[in-house]
């Protein structure tokens, strides 16, 4: 990677020690050391801070690392969409289930419909990102999110049969957890209603 060389070059050009540079962009000295030794890569916010500090463009700073930078940005989007999906799952459980216990009929469906729309929005965005990067298995998602170089190897080694088994297992386990949480929240709501 060229970023590590560029970072060291500009840090020394400005006469900054790793500690001084770390203070200027609000990271630790160890973080700067990891970046300079190709052990990790900064997120987009730190790249912007460095380019502003050194008064250079991102292109000059990353010279040839655009693919890596693109993956960092894509990873941040995937992470944001995953968090959004989890927020809607929690809202569905915490608000939707008690609402269904308290109200009957159509009223009980209102929060489920609202939160399900938000949940589906983020799920679709995640699926588009997975399709764009040819990510199908849980191991591949983890490798992509960590910027692991084994992603391509995992994709080559993937078999359709294992892929289907893994999807069924992940979706099944996730569904069981959600159902258990919904039942617990339902009984907690009924229990609390006795006191109010």
N, C-alpha and C. Protein backbone atom coordinates (compact mmCIF):
# COMPACT_ATOMS: atom_id res chain seq x y z
N UNK A 1 0.84 -1.19 0.00
CA UNK A 1 0.00 0.00 0.00
C UNK A 1 0.87 1.24 0.00
N UNK A 2 0.45 2.23 -0.73
CA UNK A 2 1.19 3.47 -0.81
C UNK A 2 0.82 4.45 0.29
N UNK A 3 -0.35 4.29 0.88
CA UNK A 3 -0.78 5.24 1.90
C UNK A 3 0.24 5.34 3.03
N UNK A 4 0.74 4.20 3.50
CA UNK A 4 1.68 4.21 4.63
C UNK A 4 2.92 5.04 4.30
N UNK A 5 3.41 4.89 3.08
CA UNK A 5 4.60 5.65 2.66
C UNK A 5 4.27 7.14 2.55
N UNK A 6 3.11 7.44 1.99
CA UNK A 6 2.70 8.83 1.85
C UNK A 6 2.52 9.49 3.23
N UNK A 7 1.90 8.77 4.15
CA UNK A 7 1.69 9.31 5.48
C UNK A 7 3.02 9.64 6.15
N UNK A 8 3.93 8.71 6.10
CA UNK A 8 5.24 8.92 6.72
C UNK A 8 5.98 10.08 6.06
N UNK A 9 5.89 10.14 4.71
CA UNK A 9 6.56 11.20 3.97
C UNK A 9 6.04 12.57 4.40
N UNK A 10 4.72 12.74 4.43
CA UNK A 10 4.15 14.04 4.79
C UNK A 10 4.33 14.36 6.27
N UNK A 11 4.28 13.34 7.12
CA UNK A 11 4.50 13.56 8.55
C UNK A 11 5.91 14.10 8.77
N UNK A 12 6.90 13.47 8.13
CA UNK A 12 8.29 13.91 8.28
C UNK A 12 8.51 15.26 7.60
N UNK A 13 7.84 15.49 6.46
CA UNK A 13 7.97 16.77 5.75
C UNK A 13 7.51 17.93 6.64
N UNK A 14 6.46 17.70 7.42
CA UNK A 14 5.95 18.72 8.32
C UNK A 14 6.67 18.72 9.67
N UNK A 15 7.58 17.76 9.87
CA UNK A 15 8.36 17.70 11.11
C UNK A 15 7.55 17.21 12.30
N UNK A 16 6.50 16.43 12.04
CA UNK A 16 5.68 15.90 13.13
C UNK A 16 6.21 14.55 13.59
N UNK A 17 6.23 14.35 14.88
CA UNK A 17 6.46 13.00 15.40
C UNK A 17 5.11 12.27 15.30
N UNK A 18 5.13 10.96 15.51
CA UNK A 18 3.87 10.22 15.49
C UNK A 18 2.94 10.74 16.58
N UNK A 19 3.50 11.09 17.75
CA UNK A 19 2.68 11.60 18.85
C UNK A 19 2.02 12.93 18.50
N UNK A 20 2.77 13.83 17.90
CA UNK A 20 2.22 15.15 17.55
C UNK A 20 1.12 14.99 16.49
N UNK A 21 1.38 14.17 15.48
CA UNK A 21 0.37 13.94 14.45
C UNK A 21 -0.89 13.33 15.06
N UNK A 22 -0.69 12.37 15.97
CA UNK A 22 -1.83 11.73 16.63
C UNK A 22 -2.68 12.76 17.38
N UNK A 23 -2.02 13.67 18.08
CA UNK A 23 -2.74 14.71 18.82
C UNK A 23 -3.52 15.62 17.87
N UNK A 24 -2.93 15.93 16.74
CA UNK A 24 -3.56 16.86 15.80
C UNK A 24 -4.84 16.30 15.17
N UNK A 25 -4.90 14.97 15.00
CA UNK A 25 -6.11 14.40 14.39
C UNK A 25 -6.92 13.54 15.37
N UNK A 26 -6.55 13.65 16.67
CA UNK A 26 -7.32 13.00 17.75
C UNK A 26 -7.37 11.48 17.65
N UNK A 27 -6.21 10.89 17.45
CA UNK A 27 -6.06 9.43 17.51
C UNK A 27 -4.86 9.14 18.41
N UNK A 28 -4.58 7.87 18.64
CA UNK A 28 -3.43 7.52 19.47
C UNK A 28 -2.16 7.40 18.62
N UNK A 29 -1.01 7.47 19.27
CA UNK A 29 0.25 7.31 18.57
C UNK A 29 0.33 5.91 17.96
N UNK A 30 -0.23 4.92 18.68
CA UNK A 30 -0.22 3.55 18.19
C UNK A 30 -1.01 3.44 16.88
N UNK A 31 -2.07 4.21 16.76
CA UNK A 31 -2.85 4.20 15.53
C UNK A 31 -2.02 4.70 14.36
N UNK A 32 -1.30 5.79 14.57
CA UNK A 32 -0.42 6.32 13.53
C UNK A 32 0.63 5.27 13.15
N UNK A 33 1.20 4.62 14.15
CA UNK A 33 2.20 3.59 13.91
C UNK A 33 1.62 2.44 13.08
N UNK A 34 0.40 2.03 13.40
CA UNK A 34 -0.25 0.95 12.64
C UNK A 34 -0.47 1.37 11.19
N UNK A 35 -0.87 2.62 10.99
CA UNK A 35 -1.09 3.10 9.62
C UNK A 35 0.21 3.11 8.84
N UNK A 36 1.29 3.56 9.49
CA UNK A 36 2.57 3.64 8.80
C UNK A 36 3.19 2.27 8.54
N UNK A 37 2.78 1.27 9.30
CA UNK A 37 3.32 -0.08 9.14
C UNK A 37 2.34 -1.01 8.42
N UNK A 38 1.35 -0.44 7.76
CA UNK A 38 0.35 -1.22 7.00
C UNK A 38 -0.39 -2.26 7.83
N UNK A 39 -0.57 -1.98 9.12
CA UNK A 39 -1.29 -2.93 9.97
C UNK A 39 -2.77 -2.59 10.04
N UNK A 40 -3.12 -1.37 9.72
CA UNK A 40 -4.53 -0.97 9.63
C UNK A 40 -4.62 0.21 8.68
N UNK A 41 -5.86 0.60 8.38
CA UNK A 41 -6.11 1.67 7.42
C UNK A 41 -7.09 2.64 8.04
N UNK A 42 -6.87 3.94 7.88
CA UNK A 42 -7.79 4.90 8.51
C UNK A 42 -9.16 4.92 7.84
N UNK A 43 -10.16 5.33 8.61
CA UNK A 43 -11.48 5.51 8.02
C UNK A 43 -11.49 6.81 7.24
N UNK A 44 -12.58 7.07 6.57
CA UNK A 44 -12.67 8.23 5.67
C UNK A 44 -12.52 9.55 6.44
N UNK A 45 -13.00 9.59 7.69
CA UNK A 45 -12.91 10.82 8.48
C UNK A 45 -11.45 11.15 8.78
N UNK A 46 -10.67 10.14 9.14
CA UNK A 46 -9.26 10.37 9.41
C UNK A 46 -8.48 10.70 8.14
N UNK A 47 -8.86 10.09 7.03
CA UNK A 47 -8.20 10.43 5.76
C UNK A 47 -8.45 11.90 5.41
N UNK A 48 -9.69 12.35 5.62
CA UNK A 48 -10.00 13.77 5.37
C UNK A 48 -9.22 14.68 6.30
N UNK A 49 -9.14 14.31 7.58
CA UNK A 49 -8.39 15.12 8.54
C UNK A 49 -6.92 15.22 8.14
N UNK A 50 -6.35 14.12 7.70
CA UNK A 50 -4.95 14.12 7.27
C UNK A 50 -4.75 14.97 6.02
N UNK A 51 -5.67 14.86 5.06
CA UNK A 51 -5.51 15.64 3.83
C UNK A 51 -5.63 17.14 4.12
N UNK A 52 -6.50 17.51 5.05
CA UNK A 52 -6.65 18.93 5.42
C UNK A 52 -5.39 19.40 6.17
N UNK A 53 -4.93 18.57 7.11
CA UNK A 53 -3.75 18.93 7.89
C UNK A 53 -2.52 19.13 7.00
N UNK A 54 -2.33 18.22 6.05
CA UNK A 54 -1.16 18.30 5.17
C UNK A 54 -1.41 19.19 3.95
N UNK A 55 -2.63 19.70 3.82
CA UNK A 55 -3.01 20.56 2.70
C UNK A 55 -2.74 19.89 1.35
N UNK A 56 -3.22 18.64 1.25
CA UNK A 56 -3.10 17.88 0.01
C UNK A 56 -4.45 17.24 -0.30
N UNK A 57 -4.60 16.80 -1.54
CA UNK A 57 -5.85 16.13 -1.90
C UNK A 57 -5.82 14.69 -1.39
N UNK A 58 -6.99 14.10 -1.33
CA UNK A 58 -7.06 12.69 -0.94
C UNK A 58 -6.30 11.83 -1.94
N UNK A 59 -6.37 12.21 -3.22
CA UNK A 59 -5.62 11.46 -4.25
C UNK A 59 -4.14 11.43 -3.94
N UNK A 60 -3.59 12.59 -3.57
CA UNK A 60 -2.16 12.65 -3.26
C UNK A 60 -1.83 11.82 -2.03
N UNK A 61 -2.75 11.82 -1.07
CA UNK A 61 -2.49 11.11 0.18
C UNK A 61 -2.53 9.60 0.00
N UNK A 62 -3.49 9.12 -0.78
CA UNK A 62 -3.65 7.67 -0.89
C UNK A 62 -2.99 7.06 -2.10
N UNK A 63 -2.54 7.86 -3.06
CA UNK A 63 -1.80 7.40 -4.24
C UNK A 63 -1.88 5.90 -4.49
N UNK A 64 -2.82 5.47 -5.26
CA UNK A 64 -2.92 4.06 -5.62
C UNK A 64 -3.74 3.23 -4.66
N UNK A 65 -4.19 3.81 -3.57
CA UNK A 65 -4.97 3.06 -2.59
C UNK A 65 -6.47 3.32 -2.75
N UNK A 66 -6.87 3.76 -3.90
CA UNK A 66 -8.29 4.10 -4.12
C UNK A 66 -9.20 2.89 -3.92
N UNK A 67 -8.75 1.72 -4.32
CA UNK A 67 -9.57 0.52 -4.15
C UNK A 67 -9.83 0.27 -2.66
N UNK A 68 -8.79 0.42 -1.88
CA UNK A 68 -8.91 0.21 -0.43
C UNK A 68 -9.83 1.27 0.17
N UNK A 69 -9.64 2.51 -0.27
CA UNK A 69 -10.47 3.59 0.24
C UNK A 69 -11.94 3.37 -0.12
N UNK A 70 -12.19 2.89 -1.33
CA UNK A 70 -13.54 2.58 -1.76
C UNK A 70 -14.16 1.52 -0.85
N UNK A 71 -13.38 0.50 -0.51
CA UNK A 71 -13.87 -0.55 0.39
C UNK A 71 -14.17 -0.01 1.77
N UNK A 72 -13.35 0.93 2.25
CA UNK A 72 -13.59 1.55 3.55
C UNK A 72 -14.93 2.28 3.53
N UNK A 73 -15.18 3.04 2.47
CA UNK A 73 -16.44 3.77 2.34
C UNK A 73 -17.61 2.81 2.25
N UNK A 74 -17.48 1.77 1.43
CA UNK A 74 -18.54 0.77 1.28
C UNK A 74 -18.81 0.07 2.60
N UNK A 75 -17.75 -0.23 3.34
CA UNK A 75 -17.89 -0.88 4.63
C UNK A 75 -18.66 0.01 5.60
N UNK A 76 -18.36 1.31 5.59
CA UNK A 76 -19.07 2.25 6.46
C UNK A 76 -20.55 2.29 6.11
N UNK A 77 -20.88 2.25 4.81
CA UNK A 77 -22.28 2.24 4.39
C UNK A 77 -22.97 0.97 4.87
N UNK A 78 -22.30 -0.17 4.71
CA UNK A 78 -22.87 -1.44 5.14
C UNK A 78 -23.11 -1.44 6.65
N UNK A 79 -22.15 -0.90 7.38
CA UNK A 79 -22.28 -0.82 8.84
C UNK A 79 -23.45 0.09 9.23
N UNK A 80 -23.59 1.22 8.56
CA UNK A 80 -24.69 2.16 8.85
C UNK A 80 -26.04 1.50 8.57
N UNK A 81 -26.13 0.79 7.45
CA UNK A 81 -27.38 0.13 7.11
C UNK A 81 -27.71 -1.00 8.08
N UNK A 82 -26.70 -1.71 8.54
CA UNK A 82 -26.92 -2.78 9.53
C UNK A 82 -27.43 -2.19 10.83
N UNK A 83 -26.83 -1.09 11.26
CA UNK A 83 -27.30 -0.43 12.49
C UNK A 83 -28.74 0.05 12.33
N UNK A 84 -29.06 0.61 11.16
CA UNK A 84 -30.43 1.06 10.91
C UNK A 84 -31.42 -0.08 10.99
N UNK A 85 -31.04 -1.23 10.41
CA UNK A 85 -31.91 -2.40 10.46
C UNK A 85 -32.11 -2.87 11.90
N UNK A 86 -31.05 -2.89 12.68
CA UNK A 86 -31.15 -3.31 14.08
C UNK A 86 -32.02 -2.37 14.90
N UNK A 87 -31.94 -1.07 14.62
CA UNK A 87 -32.79 -0.10 15.33
C UNK A 87 -34.26 -0.41 15.07
N UNK A 88 -34.61 -0.69 13.82
CA UNK A 88 -36.00 -1.00 13.51
C UNK A 88 -36.45 -2.33 14.10
N UNK A 89 -35.56 -3.30 14.21
CA UNK A 89 -35.91 -4.56 14.87
C UNK A 89 -36.21 -4.30 16.34
N UNK A 90 -35.36 -3.51 16.99
CA UNK A 90 -35.56 -3.20 18.41
C UNK A 90 -36.86 -2.42 18.60
N UNK A 91 -37.11 -1.43 17.73
CA UNK A 91 -38.36 -0.68 17.83
C UNK A 91 -39.58 -1.58 17.65
N UNK A 92 -39.46 -2.50 16.71
CA UNK A 92 -40.55 -3.44 16.46
C UNK A 92 -40.84 -4.27 17.70
N UNK A 93 -39.78 -4.73 18.36
CA UNK A 93 -39.94 -5.54 19.57
C UNK A 93 -40.41 -4.71 20.77
N UNK A 94 -39.77 -3.58 21.00
CA UNK A 94 -40.02 -2.79 22.20
C UNK A 94 -41.35 -2.01 22.12
N UNK A 95 -41.71 -1.56 20.94
CA UNK A 95 -42.95 -0.79 20.80
C UNK A 95 -44.07 -1.63 20.18
N UNK A 96 -43.73 -2.37 19.13
CA UNK A 96 -44.75 -3.13 18.41
C UNK A 96 -45.40 -4.22 19.21
N UNK A 97 -44.61 -5.02 19.93
CA UNK A 97 -45.18 -6.13 20.71
C UNK A 97 -46.07 -5.61 21.84
N UNK A 98 -45.60 -4.66 22.67
CA UNK A 98 -46.51 -4.14 23.71
C UNK A 98 -47.77 -3.50 23.12
N UNK A 99 -47.63 -2.83 22.00
CA UNK A 99 -48.78 -2.19 21.34
C UNK A 99 -49.79 -3.27 20.95
N UNK A 100 -49.31 -4.39 20.44
CA UNK A 100 -50.19 -5.49 20.04
C UNK A 100 -50.87 -6.12 21.24
N UNK A 101 -50.20 -6.13 22.39
CA UNK A 101 -50.80 -6.68 23.60
C UNK A 101 -51.92 -5.77 24.11
N UNK A 102 -51.67 -4.47 24.06
CA UNK A 102 -52.63 -3.50 24.59
C UNK A 102 -53.83 -3.31 23.67
N UNK A 103 -53.60 -3.24 22.36
CA UNK A 103 -54.68 -2.97 21.41
C UNK A 103 -55.04 -4.21 20.62
N UNK A 104 -56.28 -4.24 20.16
CA UNK A 104 -56.76 -5.35 19.33
C UNK A 104 -56.95 -4.88 17.89
N UNK A 105 -57.04 -5.82 17.00
CA UNK A 105 -57.40 -5.55 15.61
C UNK A 105 -56.38 -4.74 14.85
N UNK A 106 -56.91 -3.83 14.01
CA UNK A 106 -56.09 -3.02 13.11
C UNK A 106 -55.09 -2.16 13.87
N UNK A 107 -55.48 -1.60 15.00
CA UNK A 107 -54.57 -0.74 15.77
C UNK A 107 -53.28 -1.48 16.13
N UNK A 108 -53.40 -2.76 16.40
CA UNK A 108 -52.22 -3.55 16.78
C UNK A 108 -51.22 -3.68 15.64
N UNK A 109 -51.69 -3.55 14.39
CA UNK A 109 -50.81 -3.71 13.23
C UNK A 109 -50.05 -2.44 12.85
N UNK A 110 -50.50 -1.29 13.31
CA UNK A 110 -49.91 -0.01 12.89
C UNK A 110 -48.40 0.04 13.14
N UNK A 111 -47.92 -0.19 14.38
CA UNK A 111 -46.45 -0.12 14.56
C UNK A 111 -45.71 -1.21 13.78
N UNK A 112 -46.32 -2.39 13.64
CA UNK A 112 -45.67 -3.45 12.88
C UNK A 112 -45.48 -3.02 11.43
N UNK A 113 -46.48 -2.39 10.85
CA UNK A 113 -46.36 -1.93 9.47
C UNK A 113 -45.31 -0.84 9.33
N UNK A 114 -45.35 0.14 10.23
CA UNK A 114 -44.41 1.26 10.17
C UNK A 114 -42.97 0.76 10.32
N UNK A 115 -42.71 -0.03 11.36
CA UNK A 115 -41.34 -0.49 11.62
C UNK A 115 -40.89 -1.53 10.60
N UNK A 116 -41.82 -2.29 10.06
CA UNK A 116 -41.46 -3.27 9.03
C UNK A 116 -41.00 -2.58 7.75
N UNK A 117 -41.61 -1.45 7.43
CA UNK A 117 -41.19 -0.68 6.24
C UNK A 117 -39.75 -0.21 6.42
N UNK A 118 -39.42 0.35 7.59
CA UNK A 118 -38.05 0.80 7.88
C UNK A 118 -37.07 -0.36 7.85
N UNK A 119 -37.49 -1.47 8.42
CA UNK A 119 -36.66 -2.68 8.46
C UNK A 119 -36.37 -3.17 7.05
N UNK A 120 -37.39 -3.22 6.22
CA UNK A 120 -37.21 -3.68 4.84
C UNK A 120 -36.33 -2.73 4.03
N UNK A 121 -36.47 -1.43 4.27
CA UNK A 121 -35.65 -0.43 3.58
C UNK A 121 -34.16 -0.74 3.79
N UNK A 122 -33.77 -0.92 5.06
CA UNK A 122 -32.36 -1.19 5.36
C UNK A 122 -31.95 -2.58 4.90
N UNK A 123 -32.83 -3.56 5.00
CA UNK A 123 -32.51 -4.92 4.55
C UNK A 123 -32.24 -4.93 3.04
N UNK A 124 -33.03 -4.18 2.27
CA UNK A 124 -32.83 -4.11 0.82
C UNK A 124 -31.49 -3.44 0.49
N UNK A 125 -31.15 -2.36 1.23
CA UNK A 125 -29.86 -1.69 1.00
C UNK A 125 -28.70 -2.64 1.29
N UNK A 126 -28.82 -3.44 2.34
CA UNK A 126 -27.77 -4.39 2.70
C UNK A 126 -27.65 -5.45 1.61
N UNK A 127 -28.79 -5.95 1.13
CA UNK A 127 -28.76 -6.97 0.08
C UNK A 127 -28.14 -6.43 -1.21
N UNK A 128 -28.42 -5.17 -1.54
CA UNK A 128 -27.81 -4.57 -2.74
C UNK A 128 -26.29 -4.49 -2.59
N UNK A 129 -25.84 -4.10 -1.40
CA UNK A 129 -24.39 -4.02 -1.16
C UNK A 129 -23.75 -5.41 -1.24
N UNK A 130 -24.44 -6.40 -0.70
CA UNK A 130 -23.91 -7.77 -0.76
C UNK A 130 -23.82 -8.25 -2.20
N UNK A 131 -24.84 -7.93 -2.99
CA UNK A 131 -24.85 -8.36 -4.39
C UNK A 131 -23.74 -7.64 -5.17
N UNK A 132 -23.58 -6.35 -4.90
CA UNK A 132 -22.56 -5.56 -5.60
C UNK A 132 -21.15 -6.13 -5.38
N UNK A 133 -20.89 -6.63 -4.16
CA UNK A 133 -19.55 -7.14 -3.83
C UNK A 133 -19.48 -8.66 -3.82
N UNK A 134 -20.52 -9.30 -4.36
CA UNK A 134 -20.57 -10.76 -4.45
C UNK A 134 -20.35 -11.42 -3.08
N UNK A 135 -21.03 -10.89 -2.07
CA UNK A 135 -20.92 -11.42 -0.71
C UNK A 135 -22.17 -12.23 -0.43
N UNK A 136 -21.97 -13.51 -0.05
CA UNK A 136 -23.12 -14.37 0.16
C UNK A 136 -23.15 -15.04 1.52
N UNK A 137 -22.00 -15.35 2.09
CA UNK A 137 -21.99 -16.09 3.34
C UNK A 137 -21.65 -15.15 4.51
N UNK A 138 -21.95 -15.63 5.71
CA UNK A 138 -21.67 -14.85 6.91
C UNK A 138 -20.16 -14.59 7.04
N UNK A 139 -19.35 -15.60 6.73
CA UNK A 139 -17.89 -15.43 6.80
C UNK A 139 -17.42 -14.34 5.83
N UNK A 140 -18.03 -14.28 4.66
CA UNK A 140 -17.66 -13.25 3.68
C UNK A 140 -18.06 -11.86 4.17
N UNK A 141 -19.20 -11.75 4.83
CA UNK A 141 -19.63 -10.45 5.38
C UNK A 141 -18.62 -9.98 6.42
N UNK A 142 -18.21 -10.89 7.30
CA UNK A 142 -17.22 -10.55 8.33
C UNK A 142 -15.89 -10.15 7.67
N UNK A 143 -15.45 -10.91 6.69
CA UNK A 143 -14.18 -10.60 6.01
C UNK A 143 -14.26 -9.25 5.33
N UNK A 144 -15.39 -8.93 4.69
CA UNK A 144 -15.55 -7.64 4.02
C UNK A 144 -15.54 -6.51 5.04
N UNK A 145 -16.28 -6.67 6.14
CA UNK A 145 -16.37 -5.60 7.12
C UNK A 145 -15.05 -5.34 7.83
N UNK A 146 -14.21 -6.36 7.93
CA UNK A 146 -12.91 -6.18 8.57
C UNK A 146 -11.80 -5.85 7.56
N UNK A 147 -12.16 -5.77 6.28
CA UNK A 147 -11.16 -5.48 5.26
C UNK A 147 -10.17 -6.61 5.09
N UNK A 148 -10.60 -7.81 5.41
CA UNK A 148 -9.73 -8.99 5.37
C UNK A 148 -9.40 -9.35 3.92
N UNK A 149 -8.17 -9.72 3.70
CA UNK A 149 -7.72 -10.08 2.35
C UNK A 149 -8.19 -11.48 1.94
N UNK A 150 -8.75 -12.24 2.87
CA UNK A 150 -9.20 -13.59 2.54
C UNK A 150 -10.58 -13.60 1.88
N UNK A 151 -11.19 -12.44 1.68
CA UNK A 151 -12.53 -12.38 1.09
C UNK A 151 -12.57 -13.07 -0.26
N UNK A 152 -11.60 -12.77 -1.13
CA UNK A 152 -11.59 -13.39 -2.46
C UNK A 152 -11.42 -14.90 -2.37
N UNK A 153 -10.60 -15.36 -1.44
CA UNK A 153 -10.42 -16.81 -1.26
C UNK A 153 -11.72 -17.46 -0.79
N UNK A 154 -12.41 -16.79 0.14
CA UNK A 154 -13.68 -17.32 0.63
C UNK A 154 -14.71 -17.39 -0.50
N UNK A 155 -14.72 -16.37 -1.36
CA UNK A 155 -15.67 -16.35 -2.46
C UNK A 155 -15.37 -17.47 -3.45
N UNK A 156 -14.11 -17.75 -3.71
CA UNK A 156 -13.75 -18.83 -4.64
C UNK A 156 -14.09 -20.19 -4.06
N UNK A 157 -13.88 -20.35 -2.74
CA UNK A 157 -14.10 -21.65 -2.09
C UNK A 157 -15.57 -21.93 -1.79
N UNK A 158 -16.40 -20.93 -1.94
CA UNK A 158 -17.81 -21.08 -1.58
C UNK A 158 -18.49 -22.10 -2.49
N UNK A 159 -19.29 -22.94 -1.89
CA UNK A 159 -20.12 -23.84 -2.68
C UNK A 159 -21.57 -23.45 -2.46
N UNK A 160 -22.39 -23.62 -3.47
CA UNK A 160 -23.80 -23.24 -3.38
C UNK A 160 -24.51 -24.00 -2.28
N UNK A 161 -24.19 -25.27 -2.13
CA UNK A 161 -24.83 -26.09 -1.12
C UNK A 161 -24.54 -25.55 0.29
N UNK A 162 -23.26 -25.24 0.57
CA UNK A 162 -22.90 -24.69 1.86
C UNK A 162 -23.52 -23.32 2.07
N UNK A 163 -23.59 -22.52 0.99
CA UNK A 163 -24.18 -21.20 1.05
C UNK A 163 -25.63 -21.28 1.50
N UNK A 164 -26.40 -22.19 0.94
CA UNK A 164 -27.81 -22.34 1.29
C UNK A 164 -27.94 -22.80 2.74
N UNK A 165 -27.13 -23.75 3.16
CA UNK A 165 -27.16 -24.24 4.54
C UNK A 165 -26.87 -23.10 5.51
N UNK A 166 -25.84 -22.31 5.20
CA UNK A 166 -25.46 -21.21 6.09
C UNK A 166 -26.56 -20.17 6.17
N UNK A 167 -27.17 -19.83 5.03
CA UNK A 167 -28.27 -18.86 5.04
C UNK A 167 -29.43 -19.35 5.89
N UNK A 168 -29.80 -20.62 5.71
CA UNK A 168 -30.91 -21.19 6.49
C UNK A 168 -30.58 -21.15 7.97
N UNK A 169 -29.36 -21.51 8.32
CA UNK A 169 -28.94 -21.52 9.71
C UNK A 169 -28.97 -20.11 10.31
N UNK A 170 -28.41 -19.13 9.61
CA UNK A 170 -28.37 -17.76 10.11
C UNK A 170 -29.78 -17.19 10.24
N UNK A 171 -30.60 -17.34 9.20
CA UNK A 171 -31.97 -16.80 9.23
C UNK A 171 -32.78 -17.52 10.30
N UNK A 172 -32.61 -18.84 10.41
CA UNK A 172 -33.34 -19.61 11.41
C UNK A 172 -32.97 -19.19 12.83
N UNK A 173 -31.68 -19.08 13.10
CA UNK A 173 -31.22 -18.67 14.43
C UNK A 173 -31.70 -17.26 14.76
N UNK A 174 -31.60 -16.35 13.80
CA UNK A 174 -32.05 -14.98 14.00
C UNK A 174 -33.56 -14.95 14.28
N UNK A 175 -34.33 -15.73 13.54
CA UNK A 175 -35.79 -15.77 13.72
C UNK A 175 -36.15 -16.31 15.10
N UNK A 176 -35.46 -17.36 15.54
CA UNK A 176 -35.72 -17.93 16.86
C UNK A 176 -35.45 -16.89 17.95
N UNK A 177 -34.34 -16.18 17.85
CA UNK A 177 -34.00 -15.15 18.83
C UNK A 177 -35.07 -14.06 18.86
N UNK A 178 -35.51 -13.60 17.69
CA UNK A 178 -36.54 -12.56 17.61
C UNK A 178 -37.85 -13.05 18.22
N UNK A 179 -38.26 -14.27 17.93
CA UNK A 179 -39.51 -14.82 18.48
C UNK A 179 -39.41 -14.92 20.00
N UNK A 180 -38.28 -15.40 20.51
CA UNK A 180 -38.10 -15.50 21.96
C UNK A 180 -38.17 -14.12 22.61
N UNK A 181 -37.50 -13.14 22.01
CA UNK A 181 -37.55 -11.78 22.54
C UNK A 181 -38.98 -11.22 22.51
N UNK A 182 -39.70 -11.49 21.43
CA UNK A 182 -41.08 -11.01 21.31
C UNK A 182 -41.96 -11.63 22.40
N UNK A 183 -41.78 -12.91 22.67
CA UNK A 183 -42.57 -13.59 23.72
C UNK A 183 -42.24 -13.01 25.09
N UNK A 184 -40.95 -12.81 25.36
CA UNK A 184 -40.54 -12.23 26.65
C UNK A 184 -41.13 -10.83 26.82
N UNK A 185 -41.04 -10.02 25.78
CA UNK A 185 -41.58 -8.65 25.86
C UNK A 185 -43.09 -8.69 26.03
N UNK A 186 -43.76 -9.60 25.36
CA UNK A 186 -45.22 -9.74 25.50
C UNK A 186 -45.58 -10.02 26.95
N UNK A 187 -44.92 -11.00 27.57
CA UNK A 187 -45.23 -11.35 28.95
C UNK A 187 -44.84 -10.26 29.93
N UNK A 188 -43.76 -9.54 29.66
CA UNK A 188 -43.39 -8.39 30.50
C UNK A 188 -44.46 -7.31 30.41
N UNK A 189 -44.98 -7.07 29.21
CA UNK A 189 -46.03 -6.07 29.03
C UNK A 189 -47.28 -6.46 29.79
N UNK A 190 -47.69 -7.72 29.67
CA UNK A 190 -48.88 -8.20 30.39
C UNK A 190 -48.66 -8.09 31.89
N UNK A 191 -47.48 -8.46 32.37
CA UNK A 191 -47.15 -8.38 33.79
C UNK A 191 -47.21 -6.93 34.27
N UNK A 192 -46.63 -6.01 33.50
CA UNK A 192 -46.62 -4.59 33.90
C UNK A 192 -48.01 -3.99 33.85
N UNK A 193 -48.87 -4.47 32.94
CA UNK A 193 -50.23 -3.93 32.84
C UNK A 193 -51.04 -4.25 34.09
N UNK A 194 -50.71 -5.30 34.79
CA UNK A 194 -51.42 -5.69 36.01
C UNK A 194 -51.22 -4.64 37.10
N UNK A 195 -50.06 -3.96 37.06
CA UNK A 195 -49.74 -2.98 38.09
C UNK A 195 -50.20 -1.56 37.72
N UNK A 196 -50.57 -1.35 36.49
CA UNK A 196 -50.95 0.01 36.08
C UNK A 196 -52.39 0.08 35.69
